[in-house]
Protein backbone atom coordinates (compact mmCIF):
# COMPACT_ATOMS: atom_id res chain seq x y z
CA UNK A 1 72.22 311.17 -174.44
CA UNK A 2 69.06 312.82 -173.03
CA UNK A 3 67.14 309.56 -173.44
CA UNK A 4 69.85 307.61 -171.62
CA UNK A 5 69.93 310.06 -168.71
CA UNK A 6 66.13 310.06 -168.57
CA UNK A 7 66.11 306.29 -168.22
CA UNK A 8 68.85 306.52 -165.59
CA UNK A 9 66.79 308.99 -163.54
CA UNK A 10 63.78 306.67 -163.73
CA UNK A 11 65.86 303.71 -162.57
CA UNK A 12 67.40 305.74 -159.75
CA UNK A 13 64.00 306.88 -158.51
CA UNK A 14 62.53 303.39 -158.77
CA UNK A 15 65.52 301.90 -156.99
CA UNK A 16 65.25 304.62 -154.36
CA UNK A 17 61.58 303.84 -153.68
CA UNK A 18 62.36 300.16 -153.24
CA UNK A 19 65.38 300.86 -151.06
CA UNK A 20 63.22 303.27 -149.07
CA UNK A 21 60.87 300.37 -148.44
CA UNK A 22 63.89 298.41 -147.22
CA UNK A 23 64.80 301.21 -144.80
CA UNK A 24 61.24 301.31 -143.49
CA UNK A 25 61.05 297.55 -142.92
CA UNK A 26 64.50 297.51 -141.30
CA UNK A 27 63.51 300.38 -139.01
CA UNK A 28 60.21 298.66 -138.17
CA UNK A 29 62.00 295.39 -137.40
CA UNK A 30 64.43 297.02 -134.95
CA UNK A 31 61.63 299.01 -133.30
CA UNK A 32 59.57 295.84 -132.85
CA UNK A 33 62.54 293.98 -131.36
CA UNK A 34 62.97 296.80 -128.84
CA UNK A 35 59.28 296.68 -127.90
CA UNK A 36 59.24 292.91 -127.45
CA UNK A 37 62.73 292.20 -126.09
CA UNK A 38 64.51 295.46 -125.15
CA UNK A 39 67.82 297.16 -126.01
CA UNK A 40 70.07 294.28 -124.96
CA UNK A 41 68.50 291.79 -127.38
CA UNK A 42 68.73 294.41 -130.15
CA UNK A 43 72.46 294.63 -129.44
CA UNK A 44 72.91 290.84 -129.52
CA UNK A 45 70.83 290.54 -132.69
CA UNK A 46 72.79 293.31 -134.40
CA UNK A 47 76.08 291.67 -133.46
CA UNK A 48 74.85 288.55 -135.22
CA UNK A 49 73.70 290.55 -138.24
CA UNK A 50 76.96 292.49 -138.61
CA UNK A 51 79.04 289.32 -138.19
CA UNK A 52 76.90 287.53 -140.77
CA UNK A 53 77.14 290.47 -143.18
CA UNK A 54 80.92 290.57 -142.94
CA UNK A 55 81.08 286.81 -143.57
CA UNK A 56 78.62 287.11 -146.45
CA UNK A 57 80.85 289.71 -148.11
CA UNK A 58 83.73 287.24 -147.91
CA UNK A 59 81.56 284.40 -149.27
CA UNK A 60 80.33 286.57 -152.13
CA UNK A 61 83.94 287.27 -153.19
CA UNK A 62 82.92 290.44 -155.02
CA UNK A 63 81.12 288.30 -157.61
CA UNK A 64 77.93 290.36 -157.37
CA UNK A 65 79.77 293.48 -158.61
CA UNK A 66 81.70 291.52 -161.24
CA UNK A 67 78.45 289.98 -162.47
CA UNK A 68 76.81 293.39 -162.86
CA UNK A 69 79.85 294.72 -164.70
CA UNK A 70 80.49 291.77 -167.02
CA UNK A 71 77.00 290.37 -167.55
CA UNK A 72 75.44 293.77 -168.32
CA UNK A 73 77.87 294.25 -171.21
CA UNK A 74 77.46 290.64 -172.42
CA UNK A 75 73.66 290.77 -172.29
CA UNK A 76 73.62 294.21 -173.92
CA UNK A 77 75.61 292.70 -176.79
CA UNK A 78 73.20 289.75 -177.02
CA UNK A 79 75.55 287.18 -175.50
CA UNK A 80 73.04 285.58 -173.12
CA UNK A 81 75.01 282.33 -172.83
CA UNK A 82 77.94 284.19 -171.29
CA UNK A 83 75.68 285.92 -168.77
CA UNK A 84 74.14 282.62 -167.63
CA UNK A 85 77.53 280.92 -167.36
CA UNK A 86 78.90 283.71 -165.18
CA UNK A 87 75.88 283.49 -162.87
CA UNK A 88 76.23 279.72 -162.41
CA UNK A 89 79.95 280.11 -161.74
CA UNK A 90 79.24 282.76 -159.12
CA UNK A 91 76.74 280.54 -157.28
CA UNK A 92 79.16 277.61 -157.25
CA UNK A 93 82.01 279.71 -155.84
CA UNK A 94 79.76 281.17 -153.17
CA UNK A 95 78.73 277.72 -151.97
CA UNK A 96 82.35 276.53 -151.92
CA UNK A 97 83.38 279.40 -149.64
CA UNK A 98 80.13 280.10 -147.79
CA UNK A 99 79.45 276.62 -146.41
CA UNK A 100 82.88 276.29 -144.69
CA UNK A 101 82.51 279.84 -143.31
CA UNK A 102 79.13 278.91 -141.86
CA UNK A 103 80.63 275.87 -140.15
CA UNK A 104 83.48 277.98 -138.72
CA UNK A 105 81.09 280.51 -137.20
CA UNK A 106 78.94 277.77 -135.67
CA UNK A 107 82.00 276.03 -134.18
CA UNK A 108 83.73 279.16 -132.84
CA UNK A 109 80.63 281.10 -131.74
CA UNK A 110 81.26 280.44 -128.03
CA UNK A 111 84.93 281.58 -127.95
CA UNK A 112 84.04 284.67 -130.00
CA UNK A 113 81.14 285.58 -127.71
CA UNK A 114 82.96 284.85 -124.44
CA UNK A 115 86.48 286.10 -125.07
CA UNK A 116 86.12 288.97 -127.54
CA UNK A 117 82.58 290.26 -127.09
CA UNK A 118 82.31 289.35 -123.38
CA UNK A 119 78.66 288.57 -124.02
CA UNK A 120 78.04 284.79 -123.77
CA UNK A 121 74.43 285.28 -124.89
CA UNK A 122 75.68 286.47 -128.30
CA UNK A 123 76.78 282.94 -129.27
CA UNK A 124 73.30 281.65 -130.02
CA UNK A 125 72.55 284.64 -132.28
CA UNK A 126 75.81 284.06 -134.14
CA UNK A 127 74.92 280.41 -134.73
CA UNK A 128 71.36 281.05 -135.89
CA UNK A 129 72.39 283.77 -138.34
CA UNK A 130 75.47 281.96 -139.69
CA UNK A 131 73.62 280.18 -142.57
CA UNK A 132 72.25 283.55 -143.69
CA UNK A 133 75.71 284.43 -144.99
CA UNK A 134 75.11 281.93 -147.82
CA UNK A 135 71.47 282.88 -148.48
CA UNK A 136 72.22 286.61 -148.63
CA UNK A 137 75.21 286.07 -150.93
CA UNK A 138 73.08 284.03 -153.35
CA UNK A 139 70.39 286.73 -153.17
CA UNK A 140 72.96 289.35 -154.17
CA UNK A 141 74.21 287.51 -157.26
CA UNK A 142 70.63 286.73 -158.31
CA UNK A 143 69.77 290.42 -157.96
CA UNK A 144 72.94 291.31 -159.90
CA UNK A 145 71.96 289.15 -162.88
CA UNK A 146 68.47 290.68 -162.88
CA UNK A 147 70.01 294.15 -162.71
CA UNK A 148 72.35 293.34 -165.58
CA UNK A 149 69.28 292.31 -167.57
CA UNK A 150 67.65 295.66 -166.77
CA UNK A 151 65.01 294.45 -164.28
CA UNK A 152 65.31 297.12 -161.60
CA UNK A 153 62.08 296.25 -159.79
CA UNK A 154 62.92 292.62 -159.14
CA UNK A 155 66.60 293.14 -158.42
CA UNK A 156 66.00 295.82 -155.80
CA UNK A 157 63.10 293.89 -154.27
CA UNK A 158 65.21 290.77 -153.83
CA UNK A 159 68.17 292.48 -152.21
CA UNK A 160 66.17 294.85 -150.05
CA UNK A 161 62.91 295.03 -148.19
CA UNK A 162 61.61 291.50 -148.66
CA UNK A 163 63.49 289.42 -146.10
CA UNK A 164 63.58 292.14 -143.43
CA UNK A 165 59.86 292.62 -144.11
CA UNK A 166 59.19 288.94 -143.47
CA UNK A 167 61.13 289.10 -140.19
CA UNK A 168 59.24 292.26 -139.17
CA UNK A 169 55.90 290.53 -139.81
CA UNK A 170 56.92 287.60 -137.60
CA UNK A 171 58.14 289.77 -134.70
CA UNK A 172 55.20 292.17 -135.15
CA UNK A 173 52.73 289.30 -134.87
CA UNK A 174 54.26 288.34 -131.52
CA UNK A 175 54.09 291.95 -130.32
CA UNK A 176 50.44 292.36 -131.32
CA UNK A 177 49.42 289.07 -129.78
CA UNK A 178 51.11 289.86 -126.47
CA UNK A 179 52.73 286.42 -126.42
CA UNK A 180 56.00 285.74 -124.62
CA UNK A 181 58.71 284.93 -127.17
CA UNK A 182 62.21 283.55 -127.03
CA UNK A 183 65.01 286.12 -127.59
CA UNK A 184 66.25 283.97 -130.47
CA UNK A 185 63.12 284.71 -132.51
CA UNK A 186 64.39 287.80 -134.43
CA UNK A 187 67.49 285.96 -135.67
CA UNK A 188 65.45 282.90 -136.66
CA UNK A 189 62.87 285.09 -138.44
CA UNK A 190 65.62 286.88 -140.37
CA UNK A 191 67.19 283.59 -141.45
CA UNK A 192 63.79 282.29 -142.53
CA UNK A 193 63.16 285.47 -144.53
CA UNK A 194 66.45 285.26 -146.40
CA UNK A 195 65.84 281.57 -147.17
CA UNK A 196 62.41 282.32 -148.65
CA UNK A 197 63.73 285.25 -150.72
CA UNK A 198 66.76 283.27 -151.96
CA UNK A 199 64.47 280.47 -153.15
CA UNK A 200 62.13 282.92 -154.87
CA UNK A 201 65.06 284.69 -156.53
CA UNK A 202 66.52 281.46 -157.89
CA UNK A 203 63.11 280.48 -159.28
CA UNK A 204 62.88 283.84 -161.07
CA UNK A 205 66.41 283.51 -162.49
CA UNK A 206 65.81 279.91 -163.66
CA UNK A 207 62.64 280.94 -165.47
CA UNK A 208 64.30 283.99 -167.00
CA UNK A 209 67.29 282.03 -168.31
CA UNK A 210 65.42 278.87 -169.32
CA UNK A 211 66.00 279.44 -173.02
CA UNK A 212 69.60 280.58 -172.62
CA UNK A 213 72.45 278.25 -173.42
CA UNK A 214 75.60 278.12 -171.28
CA UNK A 215 78.91 279.32 -172.66
CA UNK A 216 81.34 276.84 -171.09
CA UNK A 217 84.29 279.02 -172.09
CA UNK A 218 83.01 282.09 -170.28
CA UNK A 219 85.14 282.90 -167.23
CA UNK A 220 84.29 285.02 -164.23
CA UNK A 221 87.32 287.04 -163.17
CA UNK A 222 88.74 285.80 -159.86
CA UNK A 223 91.34 288.43 -158.96
CA UNK A 224 89.12 291.52 -159.50
CA UNK A 225 86.35 289.86 -157.48
CA UNK A 226 88.71 289.14 -154.59
CA UNK A 227 89.89 292.74 -154.61
CA UNK A 228 86.27 293.92 -154.51
CA UNK A 229 85.57 291.48 -151.67
CA UNK A 230 88.69 292.80 -149.93
CA UNK A 231 87.62 296.43 -149.81
CA UNK A 232 83.98 295.56 -149.03
CA UNK A 233 85.12 293.28 -146.20
CA UNK A 234 87.44 295.94 -144.81
CA UNK A 235 84.61 298.49 -144.76
CA UNK A 236 82.33 295.98 -143.04
CA UNK A 237 85.12 295.03 -140.61
CA UNK A 238 85.31 298.66 -139.52
CA UNK A 239 81.60 298.46 -138.62
CA UNK A 240 82.00 295.08 -136.92
CA UNK A 241 85.01 295.99 -134.79
CA UNK A 242 83.31 299.17 -133.60
CA UNK A 243 80.23 297.24 -132.49
CA UNK A 244 82.30 294.45 -130.95
CA UNK A 245 84.48 296.86 -128.95
CA UNK A 246 81.46 298.85 -127.84
CA UNK A 247 79.78 295.64 -126.64
CA UNK A 248 82.89 294.51 -124.76
CA UNK A 249 83.41 297.98 -123.23
CA UNK A 250 79.87 299.18 -122.48
CA UNK A 251 77.62 296.13 -122.85
CA UNK A 252 75.09 294.83 -125.36
CA UNK A 253 72.50 297.46 -124.43
CA UNK A 254 74.83 300.30 -125.49
CA UNK A 255 75.60 298.43 -128.70
CA UNK A 256 71.86 298.12 -129.31
CA UNK A 257 71.31 301.85 -128.77
CA UNK A 258 74.20 302.67 -131.09
CA UNK A 259 72.77 300.42 -133.81
CA UNK A 260 69.39 302.12 -133.46
CA UNK A 261 71.15 305.39 -134.28
CA UNK A 262 72.74 303.64 -137.24
CA UNK A 263 69.28 302.43 -138.28
CA UNK A 264 68.10 306.02 -138.65
CA UNK A 265 71.04 306.62 -140.98
CA UNK A 266 70.24 303.52 -142.99
CA UNK A 267 68.30 305.58 -145.53
CA UNK A 268 71.53 307.43 -146.45
CA UNK A 269 73.32 304.09 -146.82
CA UNK A 270 70.55 302.51 -148.84
CA UNK A 271 70.34 305.48 -151.20
CA UNK A 272 74.06 305.31 -151.85
CA UNK A 273 74.12 301.53 -152.33
CA UNK A 274 71.00 301.62 -154.48
CA UNK A 275 72.44 304.32 -156.72
CA UNK A 276 75.72 302.41 -156.89
CA UNK A 277 73.90 299.36 -158.21
CA UNK A 278 71.74 301.41 -160.58
CA UNK A 279 74.61 303.31 -162.20
CA UNK A 280 76.86 300.24 -162.43
CA UNK A 281 75.76 299.00 -165.86
CA UNK A 282 75.67 302.56 -167.28
CA UNK A 283 79.21 303.33 -166.13
CA UNK A 284 80.52 299.92 -167.24
CA UNK A 285 79.16 300.48 -170.76
CA UNK A 286 80.43 304.09 -170.89
CA UNK A 287 83.88 303.10 -169.65
CA UNK A 288 84.02 300.24 -172.19
CA UNK A 289 83.81 302.78 -175.03
CA UNK A 290 86.01 305.34 -173.19
CA UNK A 291 83.15 307.82 -172.76
CA UNK A 292 84.39 310.00 -169.89
CA UNK A 293 81.50 312.41 -170.37
CA UNK A 294 79.02 309.57 -169.95
CA UNK A 295 80.66 308.49 -166.69
CA UNK A 296 80.67 312.05 -165.33
CA UNK A 297 77.05 312.68 -166.35
CA UNK A 298 75.87 309.47 -164.72
CA UNK A 299 77.69 310.26 -161.48
CA UNK A 300 76.45 313.85 -161.45
CA UNK A 301 72.84 312.75 -161.86
CA UNK A 302 73.10 310.21 -159.03
CA UNK A 303 74.91 312.62 -156.69
CA UNK A 304 72.55 315.57 -157.14
CA UNK A 305 69.47 313.41 -156.74
CA UNK A 306 70.92 311.77 -153.63
CA UNK A 307 71.83 315.09 -152.00
CA UNK A 308 68.42 316.57 -152.76
CA UNK A 309 66.73 313.67 -151.02
CA UNK A 310 69.10 313.35 -148.07
CA UNK A 311 69.57 317.01 -147.08
CA UNK A 312 66.13 317.36 -145.37
CA UNK A 313 66.77 314.06 -143.58
CA UNK A 314 70.15 315.32 -142.35
CA UNK A 315 68.69 318.58 -141.05
CA UNK A 316 65.85 316.73 -139.34
CA UNK A 317 68.19 314.33 -137.54
CA UNK A 318 70.53 317.13 -136.47
CA UNK A 319 67.71 319.15 -134.90
CA UNK A 320 65.51 316.34 -133.58
CA UNK A 321 68.03 313.63 -132.69
CA UNK A 322 66.75 313.27 -129.11
CA UNK A 323 63.13 313.04 -130.27
CA UNK A 324 64.05 310.44 -132.87
CA UNK A 325 65.86 308.24 -130.36
CA UNK A 326 63.03 308.67 -127.82
CA UNK A 327 60.76 306.74 -130.20
CA UNK A 328 62.52 303.60 -128.97
CA UNK A 329 62.40 304.51 -125.28
CA UNK A 330 63.83 307.06 -122.83
CA UNK A 331 67.10 305.15 -122.37
CA UNK A 332 67.88 305.54 -126.07
CA UNK A 333 68.19 309.34 -125.82
CA UNK A 334 71.80 308.95 -124.70
CA UNK A 335 72.64 307.89 -128.26
CA UNK A 336 71.50 311.22 -129.78
CA UNK A 337 74.95 312.75 -130.25
CA UNK A 338 76.25 309.55 -131.83
CA UNK A 339 73.27 309.73 -134.20
CA UNK A 340 74.23 313.28 -135.20
CA UNK A 341 77.81 312.26 -136.01
CA UNK A 342 76.67 309.19 -137.95
CA UNK A 343 74.13 311.24 -139.93
CA UNK A 344 76.76 313.83 -140.90
CA UNK A 345 79.12 311.09 -142.07
CA UNK A 346 76.49 309.28 -144.08
CA UNK A 347 75.37 312.52 -145.75
CA UNK A 348 78.96 313.18 -146.82
CA UNK A 349 79.01 309.66 -148.24
CA UNK A 350 76.01 310.54 -150.42
CA UNK A 351 77.42 313.99 -151.30
CA UNK A 352 80.62 312.49 -152.72
CA UNK A 353 78.50 310.19 -154.89
CA UNK A 354 79.02 306.46 -155.55
CA UNK A 355 82.67 307.05 -156.50
CA UNK A 356 83.86 303.67 -155.23
CA UNK A 357 81.31 301.84 -157.36
CA UNK A 358 82.33 303.94 -160.36
CA UNK A 359 85.98 303.00 -159.92
CA UNK A 360 84.97 299.33 -159.68
CA UNK A 361 82.97 299.52 -162.90
CA UNK A 362 86.02 301.13 -164.52
CA UNK A 363 88.12 298.11 -163.46
CA UNK A 364 90.12 300.04 -160.86
CA UNK A 365 89.64 297.52 -158.04
CA UNK A 366 93.29 297.71 -156.98
CA UNK A 367 92.99 301.43 -156.30
CA UNK A 368 89.76 300.96 -154.34
CA UNK A 369 91.36 298.21 -152.25
CA UNK A 370 94.38 300.39 -151.40
CA UNK A 371 92.08 303.24 -150.42
CA UNK A 372 89.98 300.95 -148.22
CA UNK A 373 93.07 299.63 -146.41
CA UNK A 374 94.06 303.19 -145.48
CA UNK A 375 90.51 304.27 -144.52
CA UNK A 376 89.80 301.16 -142.47
CA UNK A 377 93.13 301.35 -140.63
CA UNK A 378 92.43 304.96 -139.68
CA UNK A 379 88.84 304.19 -138.65
CA UNK A 380 89.77 301.16 -136.55
CA UNK A 381 92.61 303.04 -134.82
CA UNK A 382 90.30 305.92 -133.89
CA UNK A 383 87.61 303.47 -132.76
CA UNK A 384 90.03 301.64 -130.46
CA UNK A 385 91.27 304.92 -128.97
CA UNK A 386 87.90 306.70 -128.63
CA UNK A 387 85.45 304.01 -127.48
CA UNK A 388 86.84 303.56 -123.93
CA UNK A 389 86.51 307.27 -122.97
CA UNK A 390 83.55 308.26 -125.19
CA UNK A 391 81.55 305.06 -125.77
CA UNK A 392 78.95 305.38 -128.51
CA UNK A 393 80.19 308.82 -129.58
CA UNK A 394 83.70 307.44 -130.02
CA UNK A 395 82.39 304.60 -132.18
CA UNK A 396 80.49 307.13 -134.32
CA UNK A 397 83.56 309.35 -134.77
CA UNK A 398 85.68 306.38 -135.82
CA UNK A 399 83.12 305.24 -138.38
CA UNK A 400 82.63 308.76 -139.77
CA UNK A 401 86.37 309.38 -140.07
CA UNK A 402 86.75 306.28 -142.23
CA UNK A 403 83.90 307.47 -144.47
CA UNK A 404 85.47 310.91 -144.99
CA UNK A 405 88.93 309.54 -145.77
CA UNK A 406 87.58 306.80 -148.07
CA UNK A 407 85.49 309.19 -150.14
CA UNK A 408 88.14 311.90 -150.35
CA UNK A 409 90.74 309.48 -151.71
CA UNK A 410 88.23 307.77 -154.02
CA UNK A 411 87.07 311.09 -155.47
CA UNK A 412 90.64 312.21 -156.17
CA UNK A 413 91.47 308.84 -157.77
CA UNK A 414 88.37 308.92 -159.96
CA UNK A 415 89.17 312.40 -161.25
CA UNK A 416 92.68 311.24 -162.12
CA UNK A 417 91.39 308.12 -163.94
CA UNK A 418 88.80 310.08 -165.91
CA UNK A 419 91.48 312.40 -167.28
CA UNK A 420 93.24 309.34 -168.74
CA UNK A 421 90.21 308.03 -170.65
């Protein structure tokens, strides 16, 4: 038991370092976009990113989580052929859904930008970033297979700092050179980065599985994956609708400032998502043998470590929110209070622990989906009501309310499920 928890702590710390690198590169990329293009282009770029991310979640169909859960057990038991078969199935399904989604975004980019967002300039960013929904989905399932195999370093590097780092290098080169660049450059650089990383990830997976046979009878669960995709898409939709309504109500510049505040909170998000991926195989194996103590111990370790890391960050953002936003320019200071609300919500997300991921690994996707429907509905309703009078602060309150409700219900559900093991 002590050895298992020791290995878990090592994996959590390693994953945290790599996710920290992702937060740094993401922060650097947004800062560089502000320096070269200004707040409005940041807002347009972020609209494209959030739209692409929501579409990528739909294209992925929850197969990344299913792959971690199923392949980690199969590989642990020595059934490599099953693990390879599930990965190939996941890639095929992603392409079947992702390519049509890409075409839809490209075709309907103008109506979406003009009628809903009221920002015609957003259309070109939507089109450029549309193919990234496929590349990022393939990156996630590649990282999931590597994680199931136990390769933390590669899995977290693939689905993390690498492609945002490539985009930051491209935009940074323009900034240092003093050249005039087209506003489409950040989106194109991001797409190029994800394409490079996807190719590298597939090469790594092919080499790793070269000697593995393929179990043609192995099936990758469809219904659980769709439920996982459902609650992930609902959570992402809450983010997307907030940004879209803020853009339509206050303009792309306000949306850009709001997303800069969100960028500061990205470390909270990355810690939680990193820990969720790290604990996944451990919880899946513990749940498979009905080891409630193992599940609780794993969650406790992740939660305490996350809170210890995030508490100083929370206090710093609460006290120095204006100074933090001023790093991007004097106009960004007006997003300080929204930053405080977002930081409080994201810290609570870490403090509850990766309870949603734990429920998923315990095959309780239906419960997670029901919880997400309730949380998203509440968050969207508050966002619609609060953005017109309060702008960025209203968007932050809506997002934070959904986080609190989601985690409260998930925590209560997990406690109930653990008593039944």
